[in-house]
């Protein structure tokens, strides 16, 4: 579904509403842009925070470590 957008003089653009809705984007979500060799740009939404990922790697028989105890 091609959708057009305009680039401002400050290098800004608006992601069309149907794209934001389709990706479940909300204000504050972060994105990464990757320029491919064929000039295609891939945009990925990084909407997961560290707190949402807590427990994702839980292994059977091990106690989860609270986020407050992790060193950064």
Protein backbone atom coordinates (compact mmCIF):
# COMPACT_ATOMS: atom_id res chain seq x y z
CA UNK A 1 0.00 0.00 0.00
CA UNK A 2 2.08 2.95 -1.22
CA UNK A 3 1.56 6.17 0.71
CA UNK A 4 3.15 9.55 0.05
CA UNK A 5 4.72 11.88 2.59
CA UNK A 6 6.57 15.19 2.28
CA UNK A 7 10.00 16.06 3.68
CA UNK A 8 10.21 19.47 5.41
CA UNK A 9 13.16 21.85 5.19
CA UNK A 10 14.23 20.54 8.62
CA UNK A 11 14.39 16.93 7.36
CA UNK A 12 11.18 15.93 9.13
CA UNK A 13 8.20 13.99 7.83
CA UNK A 14 4.97 12.55 9.19
CA UNK A 15 4.40 8.81 9.10
CA UNK A 16 0.97 8.41 7.49
CA UNK A 17 -1.82 7.44 9.89
CA UNK A 18 -2.61 4.15 8.16
CA UNK A 19 1.05 3.10 8.53
CA UNK A 20 1.16 4.14 12.22
CA UNK A 21 -2.09 2.30 12.89
CA UNK A 22 -0.94 -0.81 11.00
CA UNK A 23 2.26 -0.94 13.05
CA UNK A 24 0.50 -0.13 16.34
CA UNK A 25 2.73 2.92 16.81
CA UNK A 26 2.20 5.35 19.68
CA UNK A 27 3.81 8.66 20.61
CA UNK A 28 7.27 8.06 22.05
CA UNK A 29 7.95 4.89 20.03
CA UNK A 30 11.48 4.74 18.58
CA UNK A 31 12.42 3.65 15.09
CA UNK A 32 15.55 2.53 13.31
CA UNK A 33 16.21 3.21 9.63
CA UNK A 34 18.48 1.01 7.52
CA UNK A 35 19.60 2.02 4.03
CA UNK A 36 19.88 -1.06 1.83
CA UNK A 37 22.31 -1.32 -1.14
CA UNK A 38 19.43 -0.96 -3.62
CA UNK A 39 18.38 2.41 -2.04
CA UNK A 40 15.44 0.81 -0.20
CA UNK A 41 14.99 2.12 3.33
CA UNK A 42 13.80 -0.32 5.99
CA UNK A 43 12.13 1.23 9.04
CA UNK A 44 11.67 -0.86 12.19
CA UNK A 45 9.61 0.23 15.17
CA UNK A 46 11.33 -0.27 18.51
CA UNK A 47 8.34 -0.12 20.82
CA UNK A 48 9.45 -2.57 23.52
CA UNK A 49 10.98 -1.12 26.65
CA UNK A 50 13.34 -3.01 28.95
CA UNK A 51 10.58 -3.39 31.53
CA UNK A 52 8.28 -5.02 28.94
CA UNK A 53 11.01 -7.54 28.12
CA UNK A 54 11.47 -8.58 31.76
CA UNK A 55 11.23 -12.36 32.09
CA UNK A 56 11.51 -13.00 28.35
CA UNK A 57 14.63 -15.12 28.89
CA UNK A 58 13.43 -16.93 32.02
CA UNK A 59 14.89 -20.42 32.27
CA UNK A 60 13.26 -23.27 34.13
CA UNK A 61 14.71 -23.76 37.59
CA UNK A 62 16.32 -20.30 37.82
CA UNK A 63 15.00 -17.41 39.85
CA UNK A 64 14.39 -14.22 37.84
CA UNK A 65 16.54 -11.24 38.83
CA UNK A 66 14.59 -8.03 39.58
CA UNK A 67 15.46 -5.14 37.25
CA UNK A 68 16.62 -3.08 40.23
CA UNK A 69 19.43 -5.58 40.86
CA UNK A 70 20.80 -5.53 37.31
CA UNK A 71 23.94 -3.47 36.73
CA UNK A 72 24.07 -1.32 33.66
